[in-house]
């Protein structure tokens, strides 16, 4: 069986579905192939959060309706607690809490209504190449092989990145695996308070986060219940260990665990190029995650809108769609929001990896871990630190050193990575519009990334 489409998308997650939907609305023929059955799509995670502004910006997807299975609540306040729990930095930012399985199923219905074809239980086997150029893929469906062809083929398969990783080494797109220490392993527990009348951190009107431990409490729709989540790089065992340490340090009243869900999110730089001949990658397969909160849906939708414009133009010609015709996706993304997020990715780990005592001091002084900083990152995708604030920050670092609340090594590392972060941002803002200058750009950019720390498991008590 052979089928051909303008655009073939591998993966029916939020990134792939939204891209398919935007293209179909422009008259492009789209098929999305998903390895899970229709009924199982989206079941790995129950609850998730999205900025309320997302549905205003990407208005082809209506917001969830209160009173439906999908909608949980909307809250405006997130309290960020210091490691001891004694200091709170409050972030004012509207967030909608939703149930992921119902959200995905709604997206599928919207996409099908607007002309996207979706095929489920379709497991990727290999790419199809004509004269070393990608033209299609082979999938296994119920132990039968099917060939699908597309003028542009998109990997939206998630952290496995099964199509991107299968590309030839000389295809112009990096084929790296996303390693365990480049993923956040998230455990999400639905807990019920056994003594709900006693004081506890749960609430239906805000979210509470403990940055040092990477734990959080969020609203849930069941009575006397909350989401109690945490994440750590390296594996679920690290997340379990970290949660145990958290509960040894932060007092919680008794609770039962009603449900548990596990998922992964990417925490590493994106491939230097998102496009190859007849190829594009998006979402987790392209490591598109906001490093300050782990959210990648709105980011992927931003890139999908860019890609849609460029796809439409490229599809006007009957010629094979080479990477040259898709190159502007790289240019427009990396020169703008991609540059900001790359800078944050280089800067945040060194702050997040500070000791318990040092992070407590940063919370106390409102440096990096302040309500203003959290709001700026959500609103602008960057830390806004002008010269005056930078000087004040250095003085706070020095005072911390003198009072033995901050180590010389940490000060040196933070100032070093602020400098590297700024260089990385400027480098991405000069992403080459001329494809012939790309290899040279990669070489010099790789030198900037080489010393950058990764998020690590560092809890001891």
Protein backbone atom coordinates (compact mmCIF):
# COMPACT_ATOMS: atom_id res chain seq x y z
CA UNK A 1 0.00 0.00 0.00
CA UNK A 2 1.52 3.35 -1.07
CA UNK A 3 0.19 6.78 -0.10
CA UNK A 4 1.62 10.24 -0.87
CA UNK A 5 0.98 13.56 0.87
CA UNK A 6 2.35 17.08 0.85
CA UNK A 7 3.42 16.66 4.46
CA UNK A 8 3.92 13.47 6.44
CA UNK A 9 4.24 13.87 10.22
CA UNK A 10 5.53 11.16 12.52
CA UNK A 11 3.96 11.51 15.97
CA UNK A 12 0.52 12.61 17.21
CA UNK A 13 1.63 14.73 20.13
CA UNK A 14 0.81 18.42 20.62
CA UNK A 15 3.64 19.53 18.29
CA UNK A 16 2.79 17.20 15.41
CA UNK A 17 -0.96 17.70 15.61
CA UNK A 18 -0.73 21.49 15.77
CA UNK A 19 1.65 21.62 12.79
CA UNK A 20 -0.64 19.33 10.80
CA UNK A 21 -3.65 21.43 11.72
CA UNK A 22 -2.08 24.74 10.66
CA UNK A 23 -1.00 23.22 7.34
CA UNK A 24 -4.38 21.60 6.64
CA UNK A 25 -6.10 24.94 7.20
CA UNK A 26 -3.95 26.28 4.34
CA UNK A 27 -5.03 23.50 1.98
CA UNK A 28 -1.98 21.26 2.43
CA UNK A 29 -2.58 17.50 2.41
CA UNK A 30 -1.33 16.11 5.73
CA UNK A 31 -1.07 12.67 7.28
CA UNK A 32 0.05 12.02 10.85
CA UNK A 33 1.34 8.55 11.74
CA UNK A 34 1.27 7.56 15.43
CA UNK A 35 2.66 4.38 16.95
CA UNK A 36 0.11 4.20 19.78
CA UNK A 37 -3.50 3.17 19.27
CA UNK A 38 -6.03 6.00 19.20
CA UNK A 39 -7.26 5.05 22.69
CA UNK A 40 -3.77 5.11 24.24
CA UNK A 41 -2.52 8.40 22.83
CA UNK A 42 -1.72 10.77 25.70
CA UNK A 43 -2.10 8.28 28.55
CA UNK A 44 1.49 8.50 29.84
CA UNK A 45 0.81 11.77 31.65
CA UNK A 46 -2.37 12.86 33.40
CA UNK A 47 -2.15 16.50 34.42
CA UNK A 48 -0.12 19.31 32.88
CA UNK A 49 0.00 23.10 32.85
CA UNK A 50 0.02 25.67 30.08
CA UNK A 51 0.28 29.45 30.16
CA UNK A 52 -3.22 30.88 29.88
CA UNK A 53 -1.87 33.27 27.24
CA UNK A 54 -1.09 30.31 24.96
CA UNK A 55 -4.71 30.00 23.88
CA UNK A 56 -4.86 33.70 23.06
CA UNK A 57 -1.69 33.53 20.95
CA UNK A 58 -2.55 30.27 19.17
CA UNK A 59 -6.24 30.91 18.78
CA UNK A 60 -6.97 28.09 16.33
CA UNK A 61 -7.00 25.90 19.45
CA UNK A 62 -9.83 27.04 21.76
CA UNK A 63 -9.08 27.01 25.51
CA UNK A 64 -10.48 24.11 27.54
CA UNK A 65 -13.99 24.65 28.81
CA UNK A 66 -14.60 24.72 32.58
CA UNK A 67 -16.76 21.79 33.63
CA UNK A 68 -15.30 19.38 31.06
CA UNK A 69 -13.07 16.37 31.80
CA UNK A 70 -10.13 18.25 30.27
CA UNK A 71 -10.29 21.37 32.43
CA UNK A 72 -9.10 21.38 36.06
CA UNK A 73 -8.61 25.00 37.09
CA UNK A 74 -6.92 28.28 36.34
CA UNK A 75 -4.55 29.92 38.83
CA UNK A 76 -2.51 33.12 38.76
CA UNK A 77 -0.02 32.56 41.59
CA UNK A 78 2.95 30.20 41.81
CA UNK A 79 4.87 30.27 45.09
CA UNK A 80 8.54 29.40 44.71
CA UNK A 81 9.94 28.21 48.04
CA UNK A 82 13.56 28.33 49.16
CA UNK A 83 15.27 25.03 50.15
CA UNK A 84 14.27 25.45 53.80
CA UNK A 85 10.74 26.48 52.84
CA UNK A 86 11.11 29.68 54.89
CA UNK A 87 11.37 32.16 51.99
CA UNK A 88 8.78 32.56 49.24
CA UNK A 89 9.27 34.25 45.88
CA UNK A 90 5.84 34.80 44.37
CA UNK A 91 5.27 34.67 40.60
CA UNK A 92 2.16 36.27 39.13
CA UNK A 93 1.47 34.43 35.89
CA UNK A 94 -1.85 32.89 34.75
CA UNK A 95 -1.74 29.14 34.22
CA UNK A 96 -4.39 26.63 33.16
CA UNK A 97 -4.24 23.15 34.67
CA UNK A 98 -5.57 20.45 32.35
CA UNK A 99 -5.70 16.69 31.87
CA UNK A 100 -3.39 15.64 29.08
CA UNK A 101 -5.30 12.63 27.66
CA UNK A 102 -8.46 14.69 27.12
CA UNK A 103 -6.42 17.59 25.69
CA UNK A 104 -4.77 15.32 23.10
CA UNK A 105 -8.04 13.66 22.13
CA UNK A 106 -9.59 17.11 21.60
CA UNK A 107 -6.66 18.14 19.39
CA UNK A 108 -7.09 14.97 17.34
CA UNK A 109 -10.78 15.74 16.74
CA UNK A 110 -10.00 19.33 15.72
CA UNK A 111 -7.28 18.16 13.32
CA UNK A 112 -9.51 15.51 11.71
CA UNK A 113 -12.34 18.01 11.39
CA UNK A 114 -10.02 20.31 9.45
CA UNK A 115 -8.79 17.64 7.05
CA UNK A 116 -5.77 16.02 8.69
CA UNK A 117 -5.61 12.26 8.22
CA UNK A 118 -4.39 10.33 11.27
CA UNK A 119 -3.26 6.71 11.24
CA UNK A 120 -2.68 4.98 14.58
CA UNK A 121 -0.82 1.82 15.63
CA UNK A 122 1.75 2.66 12.94
CA UNK A 123 5.29 1.89 14.11
CA UNK A 124 8.20 3.46 12.22
CA UNK A 125 10.60 0.99 10.61
CA UNK A 126 12.83 2.98 8.28
CA UNK A 127 13.10 5.90 5.92
CA UNK A 128 12.77 5.63 2.14
CA UNK A 129 15.44 7.40 0.08
CA UNK A 130 15.69 8.24 -3.60
CA UNK A 131 19.19 9.25 -4.70
CA UNK A 132 20.13 9.69 -1.02
CA UNK A 133 17.23 12.06 -0.39
CA UNK A 134 14.40 11.31 2.03
CA UNK A 135 11.08 10.77 0.24
CA UNK A 136 9.03 8.56 2.57
CA UNK A 137 8.91 6.13 5.45
CA UNK A 138 7.95 2.51 6.05
CA UNK A 139 5.72 1.67 9.01
CA UNK A 140 4.55 -1.57 10.51
CA UNK A 141 0.83 -1.76 11.14
CA UNK A 142 -0.66 -5.00 12.48
CA UNK A 143 2.40 -6.90 11.20
CA UNK A 144 2.01 -5.50 7.71
CA UNK A 145 4.35 -2.99 6.09
CA UNK A 146 3.04 0.20 4.52
CA UNK A 147 4.91 2.82 2.55
CA UNK A 148 3.99 6.48 2.96
CA UNK A 149 5.49 9.26 0.89
CA UNK A 150 5.59 12.97 1.62
CA UNK A 151 7.16 16.00 0.02
CA UNK A 152 8.16 17.14 3.50
CA UNK A 153 8.58 14.58 6.27
CA UNK A 154 8.45 15.72 9.88
CA UNK A 155 9.81 14.02 12.98
CA UNK A 156 7.50 14.90 15.88
CA UNK A 157 8.00 11.53 17.57
CA UNK A 158 9.08 12.84 20.97
CA UNK A 159 12.21 12.12 22.99
CA UNK A 160 12.92 8.94 21.00
CA UNK A 161 13.40 11.08 17.86
CA UNK A 162 13.15 7.87 15.85
CA UNK A 163 13.28 9.45 12.40
CA UNK A 164 15.94 12.08 13.14
CA UNK A 165 18.21 9.47 14.71
CA UNK A 166 17.81 7.21 11.66
CA UNK A 167 19.01 9.83 9.16
CA UNK A 168 22.34 9.24 7.41
CA UNK A 169 25.29 10.82 9.24
CA UNK A 170 25.96 13.15 6.33
CA UNK A 171 22.36 14.41 6.03
CA UNK A 172 23.09 17.74 7.69
CA UNK A 173 20.98 17.13 10.81
CA UNK A 174 22.54 15.82 14.01
CA UNK A 175 21.47 12.27 14.86
CA UNK A 176 22.42 12.27 18.54
CA UNK A 177 20.53 10.22 21.10
CA UNK A 178 19.00 12.21 23.92
CA UNK A 179 20.88 10.73 26.89
CA UNK A 180 19.43 10.07 30.34
CA UNK A 181 21.29 13.04 31.84
CA UNK A 182 19.73 15.24 29.16
CA UNK A 183 16.17 14.42 30.21
CA UNK A 184 14.07 15.32 33.21
CA UNK A 185 12.38 12.20 34.57
CA UNK A 186 9.08 13.33 36.02
CA UNK A 187 6.94 11.42 38.53
CA UNK A 188 3.47 12.82 39.01
CA UNK A 189 1.46 11.53 41.97
CA UNK A 190 -2.19 12.23 42.66
CA UNK A 191 -2.33 12.42 46.46
CA UNK A 192 -5.26 12.69 48.86
CA UNK A 193 -4.75 14.38 52.20
CA UNK A 194 -5.76 12.06 55.05
CA UNK A 195 -6.34 15.00 57.40
CA UNK A 196 -7.56 17.72 55.03
CA UNK A 197 -8.57 20.04 57.88
CA UNK A 198 -4.96 20.27 59.03
CA UNK A 199 -2.58 22.76 57.41
CA UNK A 200 -1.05 21.35 54.24
CA UNK A 201 0.60 22.85 51.11
CA UNK A 202 -2.22 21.81 48.78
CA UNK A 203 -4.56 24.36 47.29
CA UNK A 204 -6.99 24.77 44.43
CA UNK A 205 -5.96 28.34 43.66
CA UNK A 206 -2.19 28.29 43.20
CA UNK A 207 0.87 26.13 42.66
CA UNK A 208 3.76 25.65 45.10
CA UNK A 209 7.28 24.80 43.91
CA UNK A 210 10.50 23.89 45.71
CA UNK A 211 13.19 24.66 43.12
CA UNK A 212 16.10 23.09 44.99
CA UNK A 213 14.43 19.68 45.16
CA UNK A 214 12.51 20.12 41.89
CA UNK A 215 9.24 19.23 43.64
CA UNK A 216 5.86 20.87 43.32
CA UNK A 217 2.26 20.78 44.51
CA UNK A 218 -0.49 21.74 42.06
CA UNK A 219 -4.31 21.76 42.02
CA UNK A 220 -6.27 18.61 41.19
CA UNK A 221 -9.94 18.06 40.42
CA UNK A 222 -10.58 15.34 43.04
CA UNK A 223 -11.77 16.37 46.54
CA UNK A 224 -8.97 16.93 49.09
CA UNK A 225 -6.42 15.97 46.45
CA UNK A 226 -3.42 17.55 44.76
CA UNK A 227 -0.77 16.75 42.22
CA UNK A 228 2.50 16.07 44.02
CA UNK A 229 5.23 15.96 41.41
CA UNK A 230 8.98 15.98 41.13
CA UNK A 231 11.62 15.54 38.46
CA UNK A 232 15.33 14.82 38.24
CA UNK A 233 17.81 14.20 35.44
CA UNK A 234 19.34 10.78 34.94
CA UNK A 235 16.42 8.45 35.57
CA UNK A 236 13.32 7.71 37.62
CA UNK A 237 15.44 6.28 40.45
CA UNK A 238 16.99 9.72 40.89
CA UNK A 239 13.50 11.24 41.00
CA UNK A 240 12.42 8.72 43.65
CA UNK A 241 15.55 9.38 45.70
CA UNK A 242 15.09 13.15 45.45
CA UNK A 243 11.47 12.90 46.59
CA UNK A 244 12.55 10.97 49.65
CA UNK A 245 15.12 13.66 50.49
CA UNK A 246 12.48 16.34 49.95
CA UNK A 247 10.08 14.74 52.43
CA UNK A 248 12.90 14.44 54.98
CA UNK A 249 13.44 18.20 54.78
CA UNK A 250 9.97 19.64 54.10
CA UNK A 251 7.20 18.57 56.46
CA UNK A 252 4.07 17.15 54.83
CA UNK A 253 0.99 15.90 56.70
CA UNK A 254 -0.11 12.31 55.93
CA UNK A 255 -1.49 11.46 52.50
CA UNK A 256 -2.41 8.53 50.27
CA UNK A 257 -1.17 8.10 46.71
CA UNK A 258 -4.19 7.54 44.46
CA UNK A 259 -2.39 7.43 41.10
CA UNK A 260 1.11 7.75 39.71
CA UNK A 261 2.19 8.79 36.22
CA UNK A 262 5.69 8.94 34.73
CA UNK A 263 7.02 10.93 31.81
CA UNK A 264 10.20 12.51 30.43
CA UNK A 265 11.06 15.91 29.06
CA UNK A 266 14.18 17.03 27.22
CA UNK A 267 16.82 19.29 28.75
CA UNK A 268 19.57 19.87 26.18
CA UNK A 269 20.32 22.11 23.21
CA UNK A 270 18.44 21.56 19.97
CA UNK A 271 20.13 20.23 16.83
CA UNK A 272 22.05 23.03 15.14
CA UNK A 273 19.83 22.51 12.10
CA UNK A 274 16.17 21.51 12.29
CA UNK A 275 15.97 20.83 8.55
CA UNK A 276 17.46 18.52 5.95
CA UNK A 277 16.45 17.58 2.42
CA UNK A 278 12.70 16.95 2.65
CA UNK A 279 13.00 16.82 6.44
CA UNK A 280 12.07 18.86 9.51
CA UNK A 281 12.04 18.05 13.24
CA UNK A 282 9.95 19.68 15.96
CA UNK A 283 8.96 19.21 19.61
CA UNK A 284 10.89 16.88 21.89
CA UNK A 285 12.57 15.20 18.92
CA UNK A 286 14.21 18.59 18.31
CA UNK A 287 14.75 19.23 22.06
CA UNK A 288 12.31 22.15 22.13
CA UNK A 289 11.75 22.80 25.81
CA UNK A 290 11.79 26.01 27.81
CA UNK A 291 14.66 25.45 30.27
CA UNK A 292 13.08 27.45 33.08
CA UNK A 293 9.88 25.40 33.39
CA UNK A 294 10.18 22.30 31.19
CA UNK A 295 7.21 23.32 29.03
CA UNK A 296 7.56 22.76 25.32
CA UNK A 297 4.09 22.89 23.78
CA UNK A 298 3.81 26.64 23.24
CA UNK A 299 7.42 26.76 22.01
CA UNK A 300 6.75 24.01 19.47
CA UNK A 301 3.59 25.79 18.32
CA UNK A 302 5.61 28.96 17.77
CA UNK A 303 8.03 27.02 15.57
CA UNK A 304 5.12 25.28 13.82
CA UNK A 305 3.74 28.66 12.75
CA UNK A 306 7.13 29.58 11.28
CA UNK A 307 7.38 26.20 9.54
CA UNK A 308 3.87 26.48 8.10
CA UNK A 309 4.72 29.71 6.29
CA UNK A 310 7.89 28.24 4.82
CA UNK A 311 6.28 24.90 3.93
CA UNK A 312 3.51 26.68 2.02
CA UNK A 313 6.03 28.62 -0.05
CA UNK A 314 8.21 25.56 -0.70
CA UNK A 315 5.24 23.42 -1.76
CA UNK A 316 4.34 25.87 -4.55
CA UNK A 317 7.16 24.46 -6.66
CA UNK A 318 6.90 20.92 -8.07
CA UNK A 319 10.63 20.39 -7.49
CA UNK A 320 12.03 18.26 -4.66
CA UNK A 321 12.07 20.29 -1.45
CA UNK A 322 15.72 20.54 -0.47
CA UNK A 323 16.99 21.84 2.86
CA UNK A 324 17.80 25.15 1.13
CA UNK A 325 14.06 25.75 0.71
CA UNK A 326 13.44 25.03 4.40
CA UNK A 327 16.49 26.86 5.73
CA UNK A 328 14.59 29.96 6.83
CA UNK A 329 12.97 27.90 9.60
CA UNK A 330 16.42 27.68 11.18
CA UNK A 331 17.14 31.34 10.57
CA UNK A 332 13.89 32.71 11.98
CA UNK A 333 13.86 30.43 15.01
CA UNK A 334 17.49 30.62 16.07
CA UNK A 335 17.91 34.35 15.53
CA UNK A 336 15.02 35.12 17.89
CA UNK A 337 13.44 32.89 20.53
CA UNK A 338 15.94 30.09 19.92
CA UNK A 339 18.80 32.44 20.82
CA UNK A 340 17.11 33.48 24.07
CA UNK A 341 16.40 29.91 25.13
CA UNK A 342 19.90 28.73 24.23
CA UNK A 343 21.28 31.45 26.51
CA UNK A 344 19.02 30.35 29.37
CA UNK A 345 19.95 26.71 28.85
CA UNK A 346 23.60 27.66 29.30
CA UNK A 347 22.93 29.76 32.39
CA UNK A 348 20.26 28.01 34.46
CA UNK A 349 22.03 24.71 35.35
CA UNK A 350 24.87 26.39 37.25
CA UNK A 351 22.29 28.24 39.37
CA UNK A 352 20.08 25.17 39.83
CA UNK A 353 23.13 23.08 40.82
CA UNK A 354 24.12 25.39 43.70
CA UNK A 355 24.24 24.00 47.22
CA UNK A 356 21.29 24.16 49.58
CA UNK A 357 22.90 26.96 51.60
CA UNK A 358 23.78 28.97 48.50
CA UNK A 359 20.32 28.70 46.97
CA UNK A 360 18.75 29.76 50.26
CA UNK A 361 20.92 32.88 50.10
CA UNK A 362 19.89 33.60 46.48
CA UNK A 363 16.22 33.30 47.44
CA UNK A 364 16.75 35.59 50.41
CA UNK A 365 18.42 38.26 48.26
CA UNK A 366 16.08 37.82 45.29
CA UNK A 367 18.88 37.02 42.84
CA UNK A 368 17.97 34.78 39.83
CA UNK A 369 15.35 33.04 41.99
CA UNK A 370 13.04 36.03 42.39
CA UNK A 371 9.41 36.52 41.46
CA UNK A 372 10.49 39.14 38.94
CA UNK A 373 12.97 36.75 37.30
CA UNK A 374 10.41 33.93 37.08
CA UNK A 375 7.88 36.30 35.51
CA UNK A 376 10.45 37.69 33.04
CA UNK A 377 11.42 34.21 31.87
CA UNK A 378 7.79 33.28 31.27
CA UNK A 379 6.94 36.56 29.57
CA UNK A 380 10.11 37.28 27.58
CA UNK A 381 11.95 33.91 27.50
CA UNK A 382 15.00 35.59 29.02
CA UNK A 383 16.49 36.87 32.25
CA UNK A 384 16.47 40.65 32.05
CA UNK A 385 19.59 41.80 33.88
CA UNK A 386 20.71 45.33 33.06
CA UNK A 387 24.04 46.86 34.07
CA UNK A 388 22.73 48.29 37.34
CA UNK A 389 21.18 45.00 38.41
CA UNK A 390 24.29 43.09 37.35
CA UNK A 391 26.49 45.28 39.58
CA UNK A 392 24.07 44.77 42.47
CA UNK A 393 24.17 41.02 41.82
CA UNK A 394 27.98 40.94 41.96
CA UNK A 395 27.93 42.84 45.25
CA UNK A 396 25.43 40.32 46.66
CA UNK A 397 27.71 37.48 45.54
CA UNK A 398 30.69 39.12 47.25
CA UNK A 399 28.73 39.70 50.46
CA UNK A 400 27.71 36.06 50.40
CA UNK A 401 31.37 35.12 50.10
CA UNK A 402 32.39 37.35 53.02
CA UNK A 403 29.59 35.98 55.21
CA UNK A 404 30.32 32.37 54.15
CA UNK A 405 26.92 31.88 52.55
CA UNK A 406 28.41 31.54 49.09
CA UNK A 407 31.58 29.83 47.87
CA UNK A 408 34.27 31.37 45.72
CA UNK A 409 33.90 28.46 43.29
CA UNK A 410 30.18 29.09 42.80
CA UNK A 411 30.66 32.83 42.29
CA UNK A 412 33.32 32.13 39.70
CA UNK A 413 31.08 29.59 37.93
CA UNK A 414 28.02 31.85 37.89
CA UNK A 415 29.92 34.82 36.48
CA UNK A 416 31.64 32.54 33.97
CA UNK A 417 28.36 31.11 32.70
CA UNK A 418 26.69 34.49 32.53
CA UNK A 419 29.47 35.47 30.16
CA UNK A 420 29.20 32.24 28.15
CA UNK A 421 25.42 32.57 28.05
CA UNK A 422 25.70 36.05 26.56
CA UNK A 423 28.16 34.82 23.94
CA UNK A 424 25.89 31.92 22.99
CA UNK A 425 22.92 34.22 22.58
CA UNK A 426 24.88 36.59 20.35
CA UNK A 427 26.15 33.62 18.33
CA UNK A 428 22.64 32.32 17.68
CA UNK A 429 21.43 35.80 16.80
CA UNK A 430 23.98 35.64 13.98
CA UNK A 431 22.76 32.28 12.70
CA UNK A 432 23.89 32.08 9.05
CA UNK A 433 21.29 32.95 6.45
CA UNK A 434 23.71 31.58 3.87
CA UNK A 435 23.72 27.80 4.16
CA UNK A 436 27.34 27.70 2.95
CA UNK A 437 28.44 29.45 6.16
CA UNK A 438 26.70 26.92 8.41
CA UNK A 439 29.58 24.47 9.03
CA UNK A 440 31.90 27.24 10.15
CA UNK A 441 29.18 28.61 12.44
CA UNK A 442 28.65 25.15 13.98
CA UNK A 443 32.35 24.73 14.70
CA UNK A 444 32.64 28.03 16.57
CA UNK A 445 29.31 27.50 18.37
CA UNK A 446 30.34 24.04 19.52
CA UNK A 447 33.35 25.60 21.25
CA UNK A 448 31.01 27.81 23.27
CA UNK A 449 28.79 24.90 24.34
CA UNK A 450 31.61 22.52 25.30
CA UNK A 451 32.17 23.84 28.88
CA UNK A 452 28.47 24.33 29.68
CA UNK A 453 27.18 22.34 32.66
CA UNK A 454 24.23 20.01 32.42
CA UNK A 455 21.50 19.75 35.02
CA UNK A 456 22.57 17.10 37.50
CA UNK A 457 21.37 15.19 40.53
CA UNK A 458 23.17 16.86 43.43
CA UNK A 459 20.99 16.38 46.51
CA UNK A 460 22.72 15.01 49.58
CA UNK A 461 20.31 15.80 52.38
